[in-house]
């Protein structure tokens, strides 16, 4: 389900039907990821990236399709800038 979500939001063109599928995928992910808690693998799962999934539809409606944009792009730029400065 998480990969389904990733592939859906990386599309260049997103229509209303795709946004509905994204919502369904996010809901299903949040329902079914609890297996990790109930099986005892993790006590609590609340990662920022998992929470951010909830806001994708609203942000896509406001700003358009992310066209494959990944949040790790800004992280890698930040790390490079900080490490180069420190060196």
PDB file of N, CA and C in Angstrom:
ATOM      1  N   UNK A   1       0.796  -1.185   0.000  1.00  0.00           N
ATOM      2  CA  UNK A   1       0.000   0.000   0.000  1.00  0.00           C
ATOM      3  C   UNK A   1       0.846   1.260   0.000  1.00  0.00           C
ATOM      4  N   UNK A   2       1.940   1.254   0.753  1.00  0.00           N
ATOM      5  CA  UNK A   2       2.797   2.431   0.781  1.00  0.00           C
ATOM      6  C   UNK A   2       3.395   2.675  -0.600  1.00  0.00           C
ATOM      7  N   UNK A   3       3.849   1.618  -1.256  1.00  0.00           N
ATOM      8  CA  UNK A   3       4.401   1.789  -2.601  1.00  0.00           C
ATOM      9  C   UNK A   3       3.333   2.220  -3.596  1.00  0.00           C
ATOM     10  N   UNK A   4       2.124   1.710  -3.431  1.00  0.00           N
ATOM     11  CA  UNK A   4       1.021   2.155  -4.284  1.00  0.00           C
ATOM     12  C   UNK A   4       0.847   3.670  -4.157  1.00  0.00           C
ATOM     13  N   UNK A   5       0.867   4.138  -2.926  1.00  0.00           N
ATOM     14  CA  UNK A   5       0.747   5.577  -2.663  1.00  0.00           C
ATOM     15  C   UNK A   5       1.884   6.334  -3.355  1.00  0.00           C
ATOM     16  N   UNK A   6       3.097   5.845  -3.192  1.00  0.00           N
ATOM     17  CA  UNK A   6       4.263   6.519  -3.785  1.00  0.00           C
ATOM     18  C   UNK A   6       4.144   6.620  -5.296  1.00  0.00           C
ATOM     19  N   UNK A   7       3.736   5.533  -5.940  1.00  0.00           N
ATOM     20  CA  UNK A   7       3.585   5.555  -7.393  1.00  0.00           C
ATOM     21  C   UNK A   7       2.450   6.479  -7.833  1.00  0.00           C
ATOM     22  N   UNK A   8       1.385   6.519  -7.087  1.00  0.00           N
ATOM     23  CA  UNK A   8       0.255   7.376  -7.444  1.00  0.00           C
ATOM     24  C   UNK A   8       0.617   8.855  -7.380  1.00  0.00           C
ATOM     25  N   UNK A   9       1.266   9.276  -6.310  1.00  0.00           N
ATOM     26  CA  UNK A   9       1.545  10.708  -6.145  1.00  0.00           C
ATOM     27  C   UNK A   9       2.686  11.189  -7.037  1.00  0.00           C
ATOM     28  N   UNK A  10       3.454  10.282  -7.603  1.00  0.00           N
ATOM     29  CA  UNK A  10       4.547  10.682  -8.488  1.00  0.00           C
ATOM     30  C   UNK A  10       4.096  10.911  -9.929  1.00  0.00           C
ATOM     31  N   UNK A  11       2.844  10.676 -10.214  1.00  0.00           N
ATOM     32  CA  UNK A  11       2.341  10.886 -11.572  1.00  0.00           C
ATOM     33  C   UNK A  11       2.396  12.364 -11.950  1.00  0.00           C
ATOM     34  N   UNK A  12       2.611  12.619 -13.228  1.00  0.00           N
ATOM     35  CA  UNK A  12       2.662  14.001 -13.711  1.00  0.00           C
ATOM     36  C   UNK A  12       1.275  14.617 -13.808  1.00  0.00           C
ATOM     37  N   UNK A  13       0.279  13.785 -14.090  1.00  0.00           N
ATOM     38  CA  UNK A  13      -1.095  14.272 -14.210  1.00  0.00           C
ATOM     39  C   UNK A  13      -1.961  13.507 -13.212  1.00  0.00           C
ATOM     40  N   UNK A  14      -2.643  14.257 -12.362  1.00  0.00           N
ATOM     41  CA  UNK A  14      -3.521  13.652 -11.357  1.00  0.00           C
ATOM     42  C   UNK A  14      -4.925  14.222 -11.534  1.00  0.00           C
ATOM     43  N   UNK A  15      -5.897  13.343 -11.712  1.00  0.00           N
ATOM     44  CA  UNK A  15      -7.280  13.796 -11.832  1.00  0.00           C
ATOM     45  C   UNK A  15      -8.040  13.433 -10.556  1.00  0.00           C
ATOM     46  N   UNK A  16      -9.310  13.756 -10.541  1.00  0.00           N
ATOM     47  CA  UNK A  16     -10.138  13.525  -9.343  1.00  0.00           C
ATOM     48  C   UNK A  16     -10.191  12.040  -8.969  1.00  0.00           C
ATOM     49  N   UNK A  17     -10.273  11.183  -9.979  1.00  0.00           N
ATOM     50  CA  UNK A  17     -10.324   9.736  -9.716  1.00  0.00           C
ATOM     51  C   UNK A  17      -9.029   9.258  -9.064  1.00  0.00           C
ATOM     52  N   UNK A  18      -7.899   9.771  -9.534  1.00  0.00           N
ATOM     53  CA  UNK A  18      -6.608   9.394  -8.950  1.00  0.00           C
ATOM     54  C   UNK A  18      -6.505   9.892  -7.516  1.00  0.00           C
ATOM     55  N   UNK A  19      -6.995  11.102  -7.257  1.00  0.00           N
ATOM     56  CA  UNK A  19      -6.973  11.637  -5.895  1.00  0.00           C
ATOM     57  C   UNK A  19      -7.836  10.785  -4.963  1.00  0.00           C
ATOM     58  N   UNK A  20      -8.950  10.289  -5.473  1.00  0.00           N
ATOM     59  CA  UNK A  20      -9.796   9.397  -4.671  1.00  0.00           C
ATOM     60  C   UNK A  20      -9.066   8.096  -4.353  1.00  0.00           C
ATOM     61  N   UNK A  21      -8.337   7.559  -5.328  1.00  0.00           N
ATOM     62  CA  UNK A  21      -7.563   6.330  -5.108  1.00  0.00           C
ATOM     63  C   UNK A  21      -6.447   6.594  -4.095  1.00  0.00           C
ATOM     64  N   UNK A  22      -5.832   7.774  -4.158  1.00  0.00           N
ATOM     65  CA  UNK A  22      -4.788   8.137  -3.190  1.00  0.00           C
ATOM     66  C   UNK A  22      -5.376   8.154  -1.786  1.00  0.00           C
ATOM     67  N   UNK A  23      -6.553   8.777  -1.623  1.00  0.00           N
ATOM     68  CA  UNK A  23      -7.210   8.806  -0.309  1.00  0.00           C
ATOM     69  C   UNK A  23      -7.500   7.396   0.203  1.00  0.00           C
ATOM     70  N   UNK A  24      -8.022   6.547  -0.672  1.00  0.00           N
ATOM     71  CA  UNK A  24      -8.328   5.165  -0.286  1.00  0.00           C
ATOM     72  C   UNK A  24      -7.064   4.424   0.117  1.00  0.00           C
ATOM     73  N   UNK A  25      -5.984   4.636  -0.633  1.00  0.00           N
ATOM     74  CA  UNK A  25      -4.718   3.972  -0.338  1.00  0.00           C
ATOM     75  C   UNK A  25      -4.160   4.425   1.006  1.00  0.00           C
ATOM     76  N   UNK A  26      -4.244   5.726   1.288  1.00  0.00           N
ATOM     77  CA  UNK A  26      -3.754   6.249   2.574  1.00  0.00           C
ATOM     78  C   UNK A  26      -4.572   5.674   3.726  1.00  0.00           C
ATOM     79  N   UNK A  27      -5.897   5.672   3.572  1.00  0.00           N
ATOM     80  CA  UNK A  27      -6.759   5.116   4.620  1.00  0.00           C
ATOM     81  C   UNK A  27      -6.440   3.643   4.876  1.00  0.00           C
ATOM     82  N   UNK A  28      -6.283   2.898   3.794  1.00  0.00           N
ATOM     83  CA  UNK A  28      -5.986   1.463   3.932  1.00  0.00           C
ATOM     84  C   UNK A  28      -4.619   1.251   4.585  1.00  0.00           C
ATOM     85  N   UNK A  29      -3.642   2.060   4.211  1.00  0.00           N
ATOM     86  CA  UNK A  29      -2.313   1.953   4.824  1.00  0.00           C
ATOM     87  C   UNK A  29      -2.393   2.179   6.329  1.00  0.00           C
ATOM     88  N   UNK A  30      -3.099   3.215   6.737  1.00  0.00           N
ATOM     89  CA  UNK A  30      -3.191   3.523   8.163  1.00  0.00           C
ATOM     90  C   UNK A  30      -4.004   2.484   8.936  1.00  0.00           C
ATOM     91  N   UNK A  31      -4.934   1.817   8.274  1.00  0.00           N
ATOM     92  CA  UNK A  31      -5.680   0.748   8.933  1.00  0.00           C
ATOM     93  C   UNK A  31      -4.820  -0.504   9.094  1.00  0.00           C
ATOM     94  N   UNK A  32      -4.074  -0.830   8.055  1.00  0.00           N
ATOM     95  CA  UNK A  32      -3.365  -2.100   8.045  1.00  0.00           C
ATOM     96  C   UNK A  32      -1.954  -2.045   8.616  1.00  0.00           C
ATOM     97  N   UNK A  33      -1.375  -0.864   8.783  1.00  0.00           N
ATOM     98  CA  UNK A  33      -0.030  -0.826   9.354  1.00  0.00           C
ATOM     99  C   UNK A  33      -0.041  -1.139  10.861  1.00  0.00           C
ATOM    100  N   UNK A  34      -1.217  -1.197  11.434  1.00  0.00           N
ATOM    101  CA  UNK A  34      -1.308  -1.526  12.859  1.00  0.00           C
ATOM    102  C   UNK A  34      -0.892  -2.971  13.155  1.00  0.00           C
ATOM    103  N   UNK A  35      -0.760  -3.792  12.116  1.00  0.00           N
ATOM    104  CA  UNK A  35      -0.306  -5.172  12.324  1.00  0.00           C
ATOM    105  C   UNK A  35       1.078  -5.191  12.980  1.00  0.00           C
ATOM    106  N   UNK A  36       1.885  -4.182  12.700  1.00  0.00           N
ATOM    107  CA  UNK A  36       3.207  -4.126  13.318  1.00  0.00           C
ATOM    108  C   UNK A  36       3.114  -3.875  14.816  1.00  0.00           C
ATOM    109  N   UNK A  37       2.086  -3.168  15.239  1.00  0.00           N
ATOM    110  CA  UNK A  37       1.883  -2.893  16.668  1.00  0.00           C
ATOM    111  C   UNK A  37       1.265  -4.116  17.341  1.00  0.00           C
ATOM    112  N   UNK A  38       0.213  -4.669  16.736  1.00  0.00           N
ATOM    113  CA  UNK A  38      -0.480  -5.803  17.361  1.00  0.00           C
ATOM    114  C   UNK A  38       0.380  -7.062  17.400  1.00  0.00           C
ATOM    115  N   UNK A  39       1.318  -7.182  16.468  1.00  0.00           N
ATOM    116  CA  UNK A  39       2.200  -8.353  16.467  1.00  0.00           C
ATOM    117  C   UNK A  39       3.364  -8.190  17.437  1.00  0.00           C
ATOM    118  N   UNK A  40       3.529  -6.982  17.980  1.00  0.00           N
ATOM    119  CA  UNK A  40       4.585  -6.746  18.953  1.00  0.00           C
ATOM    120  C   UNK A  40       5.899  -6.291  18.345  1.00  0.00           C
ATOM    121  N   UNK A  41       5.935  -6.071  17.042  1.00  0.00           N
ATOM    122  CA  UNK A  41       7.176  -5.628  16.407  1.00  0.00           C
ATOM    123  C   UNK A  41       7.530  -4.200  16.808  1.00  0.00           C
ATOM    124  N   UNK A  42       6.510  -3.364  16.931  1.00  0.00           N
ATOM    125  CA  UNK A  42       6.707  -1.975  17.344  1.00  0.00           C
ATOM    126  C   UNK A  42       5.629  -1.610  18.343  1.00  0.00           C
ATOM    127  N   UNK A  43       5.991  -0.764  19.291  1.00  0.00           N
ATOM    128  CA  UNK A  43       5.020  -0.308  20.278  1.00  0.00           C
ATOM    129  C   UNK A  43       4.185   0.830  19.701  1.00  0.00           C
ATOM    130  N   UNK A  44       4.824   1.688  18.912  1.00  0.00           N
ATOM    131  CA  UNK A  44       4.138   2.867  18.384  1.00  0.00           C
ATOM    132  C   UNK A  44       4.726   3.201  17.018  1.00  0.00           C
ATOM    133  N   UNK A  45       3.892   3.438  16.044  1.00  0.00           N
ATOM    134  CA  UNK A  45       4.345   3.857  14.721  1.00  0.00           C
ATOM    135  C   UNK A  45       3.772   5.224  14.407  1.00  0.00           C
ATOM    136  N   UNK A  46       4.619   6.212  14.358  1.00  0.00           N
ATOM    137  CA  UNK A  46       4.182   7.548  13.988  1.00  0.00           C
ATOM    138  C   UNK A  46       5.369   8.280  13.390  1.00  0.00           C
ATOM    139  N   UNK A  47       5.608   8.025  12.141  1.00  0.00           N
ATOM    140  CA  UNK A  47       6.718   8.666  11.453  1.00  0.00           C
ATOM    141  C   UNK A  47       6.213   9.883  10.694  1.00  0.00           C
ATOM    142  N   UNK A  48       7.008  10.949  10.611  1.00  0.00           N
ATOM    143  CA  UNK A  48       6.569  12.157   9.909  1.00  0.00           C
ATOM    144  C   UNK A  48       6.162  11.891   8.461  1.00  0.00           C
ATOM    145  N   UNK A  49       6.890  11.025   7.770  1.00  0.00           N
ATOM    146  CA  UNK A  49       6.546  10.736   6.367  1.00  0.00           C
ATOM    147  C   UNK A  49       5.200  10.039   6.267  1.00  0.00           C
ATOM    148  N   UNK A  50       4.902   9.179   7.221  1.00  0.00           N
ATOM    149  CA  UNK A  50       3.603   8.503   7.209  1.00  0.00           C
ATOM    150  C   UNK A  50       2.491   9.505   7.495  1.00  0.00           C
ATOM    151  N   UNK A  51       2.723  10.433   8.380  1.00  0.00           N
ATOM    152  CA  UNK A  51       1.714  11.445   8.684  1.00  0.00           C
ATOM    153  C   UNK A  51       1.528  12.386   7.494  1.00  0.00           C
ATOM    154  N   UNK A  52       2.603  12.711   6.805  1.00  0.00           N
ATOM    155  CA  UNK A  52       2.532  13.635   5.671  1.00  0.00           C
ATOM    156  C   UNK A  52       1.627  13.096   4.566  1.00  0.00           C
ATOM    157  N   UNK A  53       1.491  11.776   4.479  1.00  0.00           N
ATOM    158  CA  UNK A  53       0.643  11.167   3.460  1.00  0.00           C
ATOM    159  C   UNK A  53      -0.794  11.682   3.551  1.00  0.00           C
ATOM    160  N   UNK A  54      -1.230  11.982   4.738  1.00  0.00           N
ATOM    161  CA  UNK A  54      -2.601  12.437   4.963  1.00  0.00           C
ATOM    162  C   UNK A  54      -2.852  13.786   4.273  1.00  0.00           C
ATOM    163  N   UNK A  55      -1.823  14.591   4.126  1.00  0.00           N
ATOM    164  CA  UNK A  55      -1.972  15.944   3.605  1.00  0.00           C
ATOM    165  C   UNK A  55      -1.738  16.055   2.096  1.00  0.00           C
ATOM    166  N   UNK A  56      -1.338  14.971   1.449  1.00  0.00           N
ATOM    167  CA  UNK A  56      -0.989  15.042   0.033  1.00  0.00           C
ATOM    168  C   UNK A  56      -2.144  15.527  -0.838  1.00  0.00           C
ATOM    169  N   UNK A  57      -3.332  14.998  -0.647  1.00  0.00           N
ATOM    170  CA  UNK A  57      -4.445  15.387  -1.522  1.00  0.00           C
ATOM    171  C   UNK A  57      -4.687  16.891  -1.455  1.00  0.00           C
ATOM    172  N   UNK A  58      -4.761  17.423  -0.257  1.00  0.00           N
ATOM    173  CA  UNK A  58      -4.999  18.860  -0.101  1.00  0.00           C
ATOM    174  C   UNK A  58      -3.889  19.671  -0.767  1.00  0.00           C
ATOM    175  N   UNK A  59      -2.656  19.248  -0.582  1.00  0.00           N
ATOM    176  CA  UNK A  59      -1.535  19.982  -1.157  1.00  0.00           C
ATOM    177  C   UNK A  59      -1.501  19.862  -2.680  1.00  0.00           C
ATOM    178  N   UNK A  60      -1.876  18.706  -3.202  1.00  0.00           N
ATOM    179  CA  UNK A  60      -1.951  18.540  -4.650  1.00  0.00           C
ATOM    180  C   UNK A  60      -3.045  19.434  -5.218  1.00  0.00           C
ATOM    181  N   UNK A  61      -4.177  19.508  -4.525  1.00  0.00           N
ATOM    182  CA  UNK A  61      -5.261  20.380  -4.987  1.00  0.00           C
ATOM    183  C   UNK A  61      -4.853  21.856  -4.938  1.00  0.00           C
ATOM    184  N   UNK A  62      -4.054  22.232  -3.959  1.00  0.00           N
ATOM    185  CA  UNK A  62      -3.613  23.620  -3.839  1.00  0.00           C
ATOM    186  C   UNK A  62      -2.494  23.976  -4.816  1.00  0.00           C
ATOM    187  N   UNK A  63      -1.511  23.074  -4.968  1.00  0.00           N
ATOM    188  CA  UNK A  63      -0.295  23.415  -5.702  1.00  0.00           C
ATOM    189  C   UNK A  63      -0.047  22.609  -6.966  1.00  0.00           C
ATOM    190  N   UNK A  64      -0.849  21.579  -7.222  1.00  0.00           N
ATOM    191  CA  UNK A  64      -0.668  20.775  -8.421  1.00  0.00           C
ATOM    192  C   UNK A  64       0.150  19.521  -8.161  1.00  0.00           C
ATOM    193  N   UNK A  65       0.320  18.742  -9.214  1.00  0.00           N
ATOM    194  CA  UNK A  65       1.041  17.471  -9.119  1.00  0.00           C
ATOM    195  C   UNK A  65       2.507  17.717  -8.779  1.00  0.00           C
ATOM    196  N   UNK A  66       3.058  16.924  -7.848  1.00  0.00           N
ATOM    197  CA  UNK A  66       4.456  17.119  -7.471  1.00  0.00           C
ATOM    198  C   UNK A  66       5.447  16.648  -8.537  1.00  0.00           C
ATOM    199  N   UNK A  67       4.983  15.932  -9.571  1.00  0.00           N
ATOM    200  CA  UNK A  67       5.835  15.487 -10.682  1.00  0.00           C
ATOM    201  C   UNK A  67       7.084  14.752 -10.221  1.00  0.00           C
ATOM    202  N   UNK A  68       6.928  13.848  -9.279  1.00  0.00           N
ATOM    203  CA  UNK A  68       8.057  13.037  -8.831  1.00  0.00           C
ATOM    204  C   UNK A  68       8.937  13.710  -7.795  1.00  0.00           C
ATOM    205  N   UNK A  69       8.546  14.872  -7.317  1.00  0.00           N
ATOM    206  CA  UNK A  69       9.330  15.559  -6.297  1.00  0.00           C
ATOM    207  C   UNK A  69       9.391  14.708  -5.039  1.00  0.00           C
ATOM    208  N   UNK A  70      10.537  14.629  -4.459  1.00  0.00           N
ATOM    209  CA  UNK A  70      10.739  13.818  -3.262  1.00  0.00           C
ATOM    210  C   UNK A  70      11.264  14.716  -2.147  1.00  0.00           C
ATOM    211  N   UNK A  71      10.776  14.519  -0.946  1.00  0.00           N
ATOM    212  CA  UNK A  71      11.211  15.362   0.172  1.00  0.00           C
ATOM    213  C   UNK A  71      12.682  15.164   0.501  1.00  0.00           C
ATOM    214  N   UNK A  72      13.277  14.064   0.058  1.00  0.00           N
ATOM    215  CA  UNK A  72      14.690  13.831   0.359  1.00  0.00           C
ATOM    216  C   UNK A  72      15.596  14.771  -0.438  1.00  0.00           C
ATOM    217  N   UNK A  73      15.065  15.413  -1.481  1.00  0.00           N
ATOM    218  CA  UNK A  73      15.864  16.354  -2.263  1.00  0.00           C
ATOM    219  C   UNK A  73      16.326  17.497  -1.369  1.00  0.00           C
ATOM    220  N   UNK A  74      15.399  18.092  -0.634  1.00  0.00           N
ATOM    221  CA  UNK A  74      15.777  19.213   0.232  1.00  0.00           C
ATOM    222  C   UNK A  74      16.660  18.753   1.375  1.00  0.00           C
ATOM    223  N   UNK A  75      16.436  17.532   1.855  1.00  0.00           N
ATOM    224  CA  UNK A  75      17.266  17.009   2.932  1.00  0.00           C
ATOM    225  C   UNK A  75      18.701  16.839   2.471  1.00  0.00           C
ATOM    226  N   UNK A  76      18.898  16.294   1.288  1.00  0.00           N
ATOM    227  CA  UNK A  76      20.263  16.088   0.793  1.00  0.00           C
ATOM    228  C   UNK A  76      20.961  17.417   0.545  1.00  0.00           C
ATOM    229  N   UNK A  77      20.220  18.414   0.058  1.00  0.00           N
ATOM    230  CA  UNK A  77      20.804  19.750  -0.149  1.00  0.00           C
ATOM    231  C   UNK A  77      21.195  20.365   1.185  1.00  0.00           C
ATOM    232  N   UNK A  78      20.349  20.193   2.198  1.00  0.00           N
ATOM    233  CA  UNK A  78      20.637  20.725   3.526  1.00  0.00           C
ATOM    234  C   UNK A  78      21.878  20.054   4.111  1.00  0.00           C
ATOM    235  N   UNK A  79      21.941  18.746   4.013  1.00  0.00           N
ATOM    236  CA  UNK A  79      23.088  18.014   4.569  1.00  0.00           C
ATOM    237  C   UNK A  79      24.373  18.453   3.885  1.00  0.00           C
ATOM    238  N   UNK A  80      24.337  18.568   2.570  1.00  0.00           N
ATOM    239  CA  UNK A  80      25.534  18.977   1.834  1.00  0.00           C
ATOM    240  C   UNK A  80      25.959  20.378   2.254  1.00  0.00           C
ATOM    241  N   UNK A  81      25.015  21.297   2.372  1.00  0.00           N
ATOM    242  CA  UNK A  81      25.344  22.672   2.746  1.00  0.00           C
ATOM    243  C   UNK A  81      25.922  22.732   4.153  1.00  0.00           C
ATOM    244  N   UNK A  82      25.361  21.980   5.079  1.00  0.00           N
ATOM    245  CA  UNK A  82      25.855  22.001   6.458  1.00  0.00           C
ATOM    246  C   UNK A  82      27.222  21.351   6.557  1.00  0.00           C
ATOM    247  N   UNK A  83      27.390  20.200   5.923  1.00  0.00           N
ATOM    248  CA  UNK A  83      28.671  19.491   6.008  1.00  0.00           C
ATOM    249  C   UNK A  83      29.789  20.269   5.318  1.00  0.00           C
ATOM    250  N   UNK A  84      29.492  20.881   4.166  1.00  0.00           N
ATOM    251  CA  UNK A  84      30.512  21.675   3.488  1.00  0.00           C
ATOM    252  C   UNK A  84      30.915  22.878   4.335  1.00  0.00           C
ATOM    253  N   UNK A  85      29.947  23.482   4.990  1.00  0.00           N
ATOM    254  CA  UNK A  85      30.231  24.638   5.842  1.00  0.00           C
ATOM    255  C   UNK A  85      31.106  24.238   7.022  1.00  0.00           C
ATOM    256  N   UNK A  86      30.800  23.109   7.640  1.00  0.00           N
ATOM    257  CA  UNK A  86      31.540  22.654   8.814  1.00  0.00           C
ATOM    258  C   UNK A  86      32.977  22.276   8.444  1.00  0.00           C
ATOM    259  N   UNK A  87      33.146  21.682   7.285  1.00  0.00           N
ATOM    260  CA  UNK A  87      34.494  21.281   6.847  1.00  0.00           C
ATOM    261  C   UNK A  87      35.314  22.500   6.589  1.00  0.00           C
TER     262      UNK A  87
END
